[in-house]
Protein backbone atom coordinates (compact mmCIF):
# COMPACT_ATOMS: atom_id res chain seq x y z
CA MET A 1 32.83 -7.32 -8.53
CA ASN A 2 34.88 -5.09 -6.25
CA LYS A 3 32.73 -4.38 -3.17
CA SER A 4 34.03 -0.86 -2.56
CA ILE A 5 34.74 0.65 -5.98
CA VAL A 6 33.19 0.41 -9.40
CA LYS A 7 35.54 1.60 -12.14
CA LYS A 8 33.92 3.93 -14.69
CA ARG A 9 31.01 1.71 -15.61
CA THR A 10 28.06 2.49 -17.82
CA TRP A 11 25.12 2.13 -15.47
CA GLY A 12 22.57 4.22 -17.36
CA ILE A 13 19.94 3.03 -19.82
CA ALA A 14 19.66 6.20 -21.88
CA LEU A 15 17.25 7.72 -19.40
CA CYS A 16 18.77 11.10 -18.94
CA GLY A 17 20.87 13.88 -20.28
CA LEU A 18 22.65 16.40 -18.08
CA THR A 19 22.84 15.58 -14.37
CA ILE A 20 22.76 18.40 -11.84
CA LEU A 21 23.58 17.87 -8.17
CA CYS A 22 21.99 20.17 -5.65
CA VAL A 23 21.91 19.99 -1.85
CA CYS A 24 18.45 20.50 -0.43
CA ALA A 25 17.09 20.80 3.10
CA VAL A 26 15.91 17.20 3.03
CA PHE A 27 16.79 14.45 5.49
CA PHE A 28 16.77 10.68 5.07
CA VAL A 29 15.82 8.67 8.16
CA LEU A 30 17.90 5.52 8.54
CA ARG A 31 16.62 2.31 10.14
CA ASN A 32 18.53 3.14 13.32
CA GLY A 33 16.54 6.37 13.63
CA LYS A 34 19.41 8.66 12.65
CA GLN A 35 18.94 11.32 9.98
CA LYS A 36 21.29 12.19 7.14
CA PRO A 37 21.01 15.12 4.68
CA VAL A 38 20.02 14.18 1.15
CA ASP A 39 21.73 15.43 -2.00
CA ILE A 40 19.06 15.52 -4.70
CA VAL A 41 20.18 14.51 -8.20
CA GLN A 42 17.92 16.17 -10.74
CA LYS A 43 17.94 14.59 -14.17
CA SER A 44 16.64 15.68 -17.53
CA ILE A 45 14.55 12.63 -18.46
CA VAL A 46 14.23 11.97 -22.17
CA MET A 47 10.80 10.45 -21.67
CA ASP A 48 7.94 10.61 -19.21
CA VAL A 49 8.44 7.52 -17.04
CA SER A 50 5.49 8.58 -14.89
CA ASP A 51 3.41 6.94 -17.64
CA PRO A 52 3.60 3.27 -16.55
CA ARG A 53 3.15 2.05 -20.15
CA LYS A 54 6.28 3.92 -21.23
CA LEU A 55 8.11 2.76 -18.11
CA ALA A 56 7.25 -0.85 -18.92
CA GLY A 57 8.43 -0.38 -22.50
CA LEU A 58 11.72 1.13 -21.38
CA VAL A 59 12.95 -1.50 -18.92
CA ASP A 60 13.86 -5.15 -19.44
CA TYR A 61 12.07 -6.73 -16.49
CA VAL A 62 9.18 -5.79 -14.20
CA PHE A 63 8.51 -7.97 -11.17
CA VAL A 64 7.07 -8.12 -7.66
CA GLY A 65 9.74 -8.80 -5.06
CA ILE A 66 10.67 -8.65 -1.38
CA VAL A 67 13.93 -7.00 -0.37
CA THR A 68 15.83 -9.59 1.68
CA GLU A 69 19.24 -7.95 2.13
CA LYS A 70 21.00 -4.62 1.67
CA LYS A 71 24.73 -4.85 0.93
CA GLU A 72 27.81 -2.63 1.01
CA THR A 73 27.54 0.47 -1.18
CA LEU A 74 29.44 0.59 -4.49
CA TYR A 75 30.86 3.74 -6.10
CA ASP A 76 31.61 5.03 -9.57
CA VAL A 77 35.15 6.46 -9.68
CA TYR A 78 36.10 9.02 -12.32
CA THR A 79 39.40 10.45 -11.11
CA GLU A 80 42.65 9.34 -9.50
CA ASP A 81 42.24 11.91 -6.74
CA LYS A 82 41.02 10.13 -3.58
CA ALA A 83 39.74 13.35 -2.00
CA GLU A 84 37.65 14.13 -5.07
CA ASP A 85 36.42 10.54 -5.29
CA ASP A 86 35.31 10.61 -1.64
CA LEU A 87 33.35 13.78 -2.35
CA TYR A 88 31.91 13.16 -5.83
CA ALA A 89 31.83 9.37 -6.39
CA SER A 90 28.31 8.27 -7.33
CA PRO A 91 26.87 5.67 -4.94
CA TYR A 92 24.99 2.52 -5.98
CA THR A 93 23.31 0.34 -3.36
CA PRO A 94 23.24 -3.45 -3.95
CA TYR A 95 20.30 -5.53 -2.72
CA ASP A 96 19.15 -9.11 -2.79
CA VAL A 97 15.50 -9.38 -3.82
CA TYR A 98 13.27 -12.45 -3.58
CA VAL A 99 11.29 -12.58 -6.85
CA LEU A 100 7.59 -13.37 -6.28
CA LYS A 101 6.08 -12.73 -9.71
CA ASN A 102 7.06 -11.55 -13.18
CA LEU A 103 4.99 -8.80 -14.74
CA LYS A 104 7.39 -8.51 -17.69
CA GLY A 105 10.16 -10.94 -18.53
CA ASN A 106 11.16 -14.41 -17.41
CA LEU A 107 13.11 -14.09 -14.17
CA LYS A 108 13.23 -17.16 -11.97
CA THR A 109 10.54 -16.83 -9.28
CA ASN A 110 10.78 -17.96 -5.65
CA SER A 111 14.51 -17.29 -5.82
CA THR A 112 16.89 -14.42 -5.08
CA LEU A 113 18.00 -11.84 -7.65
CA PRO A 114 20.86 -9.38 -6.96
CA ILE A 115 20.11 -5.84 -8.11
CA VAL A 116 21.94 -2.50 -7.82
CA LYS A 117 20.01 0.69 -6.99
CA HIS A 118 21.22 4.05 -8.30
CA GLY A 119 21.71 6.10 -5.13
CA GLY A 120 22.85 5.56 -1.56
CA GLU A 121 25.27 6.78 1.10
CA THR A 122 28.26 8.88 0.09
CA LYS A 123 31.77 7.51 0.69
CA ASP A 124 32.18 9.67 3.78
CA GLN A 125 28.84 8.25 5.05
CA LYS A 126 27.61 11.73 5.88
CA ARG A 127 24.95 12.15 3.19
CA ILE A 128 22.49 10.24 1.02
CA VAL A 129 22.40 10.77 -2.77
CA LEU A 130 19.03 10.17 -4.43
CA ASP A 131 17.14 11.14 -7.55
CA GLU A 132 14.43 13.71 -7.02
CA GLY A 133 11.47 12.14 -5.22
CA ASP A 134 13.28 8.80 -4.87
CA PHE A 135 13.92 6.60 -1.85
CA LEU A 136 16.04 3.57 -1.01
CA PRO A 137 14.23 0.24 -0.78
CA VAL A 138 13.88 -1.17 2.74
CA VAL A 139 14.64 -4.75 3.75
CA GLY A 140 11.39 -6.64 4.31
CA ASN A 141 9.25 -4.40 2.11
CA ILE A 142 7.50 -5.57 -1.06
CA TYR A 143 7.84 -3.52 -4.27
CA VAL A 144 7.10 -3.60 -7.96
CA PHE A 145 10.60 -3.31 -9.42
CA SER A 146 11.31 -2.09 -12.97
CA VAL A 147 14.90 -2.95 -13.87
CA SER A 148 17.29 -3.05 -16.81
CA VAL A 149 20.30 -5.25 -17.48
CA GLN A 150 23.72 -3.68 -18.04
CA PRO A 151 26.34 -4.89 -20.56
CA ASP A 152 28.13 -6.88 -17.83
CA GLY A 153 24.92 -8.69 -16.85
CA SER A 154 24.30 -6.74 -13.64
CA VAL A 155 20.69 -5.72 -12.98
CA LEU A 156 20.21 -1.98 -12.46
CA LEU A 157 17.36 -0.42 -10.53
CA PRO A 158 17.48 3.14 -11.93
CA GLY A 159 17.03 6.24 -9.82
CA GLY A 160 13.49 7.53 -9.56
CA PRO A 161 10.43 6.53 -7.50
CA GLU A 162 8.71 5.05 -10.56
CA PHE A 163 11.22 2.19 -10.69
CA ASN A 164 10.55 0.86 -7.16
CA LYS A 165 6.87 1.20 -6.28
CA LEU A 166 6.08 0.24 -2.70
CA LEU A 167 3.33 -2.37 -2.32
CA ALA A 168 3.53 -3.26 1.35
CA GLU A 169 5.69 -2.61 4.39
CA ASN A 170 7.21 -5.38 6.45
CA LYS A 171 4.87 -4.66 9.35
CA ARG A 172 2.10 -6.41 7.43
CA PHE A 173 3.90 -9.42 5.99
CA SER A 174 6.46 -12.00 7.03
CA PHE A 175 9.05 -13.44 4.67
CA PRO A 176 7.66 -16.56 2.92
CA LYS A 177 9.14 -19.78 4.32
CA ASP A 178 8.26 -21.86 1.26
CA THR A 179 6.65 -21.66 -2.18
CA ALA A 180 3.13 -22.10 -0.79
CA SER A 181 3.46 -19.17 1.61
CA ALA A 182 5.08 -17.09 -1.16
CA ASN A 183 2.10 -17.77 -3.42
CA ALA A 184 -0.33 -16.82 -0.65
CA LEU A 185 1.57 -13.58 -0.08
CA LEU A 186 1.60 -12.84 -3.81
CA GLU A 187 -2.14 -13.42 -4.09
CA GLU A 188 -2.75 -10.83 -1.40
CA VAL A 189 -0.49 -8.11 -2.82
CA SER A 190 -1.59 -8.73 -6.44
CA PHE A 191 -4.84 -6.92 -5.71
CA LEU A 192 -3.11 -3.73 -4.53
CA PRO A 193 -3.59 -0.76 -6.95
CA ALA A 194 0.12 -0.22 -7.72
CA CYS A 195 0.52 -3.87 -8.67
CA ARG A 196 -2.61 -3.98 -10.82
CA GLU A 197 -1.57 -0.77 -12.56
CA MET A 198 1.82 -2.18 -13.57
CA MET A 199 0.33 -5.50 -14.63
CA GLN A 200 -1.91 -3.61 -17.06
CA ALA A 201 0.94 -1.33 -18.14
CA CYS A 202 3.08 -4.34 -19.06
CA ARG A 203 0.25 -5.65 -21.23
CA ASP A 204 -0.15 -2.25 -22.92
CA GLU A 205 3.49 -1.15 -22.92
CA PHE A 206 4.90 1.37 -25.39
CA PRO A 207 8.07 -0.37 -26.70
CA ILE A 208 11.19 1.79 -26.54
CA ASP A 209 13.92 1.17 -29.11
CA ARG A 210 17.25 0.82 -27.30
CA VAL A 211 20.13 -1.62 -26.91
CA ARG A 212 19.08 -4.39 -24.52
CA PHE A 213 20.81 -7.14 -22.58
CA GLU A 214 19.55 -10.27 -20.87
CA ALA A 215 20.01 -11.21 -17.22
CA PRO A 216 22.50 -14.03 -16.55
CA GLU A 217 21.05 -17.45 -17.35
CA LYS A 218 21.08 -18.62 -13.72
CA TYR A 219 18.49 -15.95 -12.87
CA LEU A 220 16.18 -16.80 -15.78
CA SER A 221 13.35 -19.30 -15.88
CA THR A 222 12.39 -21.64 -18.68
CA ASP A 223 9.04 -22.29 -17.02
CA LEU A 224 6.31 -20.43 -18.91
CA LYS A 225 4.28 -20.21 -15.69
CA ASP A 226 6.92 -17.91 -14.19
């Protein structure tokens, strides 16, 4: 995959209709302490993903994971005009995530999964583009991720705070050095309300009829315990 440009790809999973971009008086604080203005993308959602049962039924995989690395931002390009692309290209932020536990699906646990988050820094690096109420995952933090696979096999973390629910910040936990420490970490976070809520939601999910794709085989587990 080209690390700087993504050519007219279909990233969505039939979540929204018209997209409206509006600049609000909101600032995103980067890890270096600097602030950048946020452009809020407001979407007309075709379903209420605030209901975790519907959210679980919509996506392909739900899992608990630790963000291990943030990579160079990718961009959707719709025109041949570089000036327009620099201004309007939609950012997507790639991450590596260490999968601790599946809540839905059969991803390989205790291994790294690459995902792409809808949102991120603009090409001029002056602003952050995010869905309303959303935030970018932080390296070292633990989340419940709800993701969907795209036709090319890439794993999309859609825009919206419901799709990356924070369980714990990196101030409380260190990255697991081995499977035993990963299991101990998982046992501790499994009792947190956001994790328990999504575990129940995945059991009681409302299935959504849509075209689905499977993650690449190398990221899938054949172990039923995963």
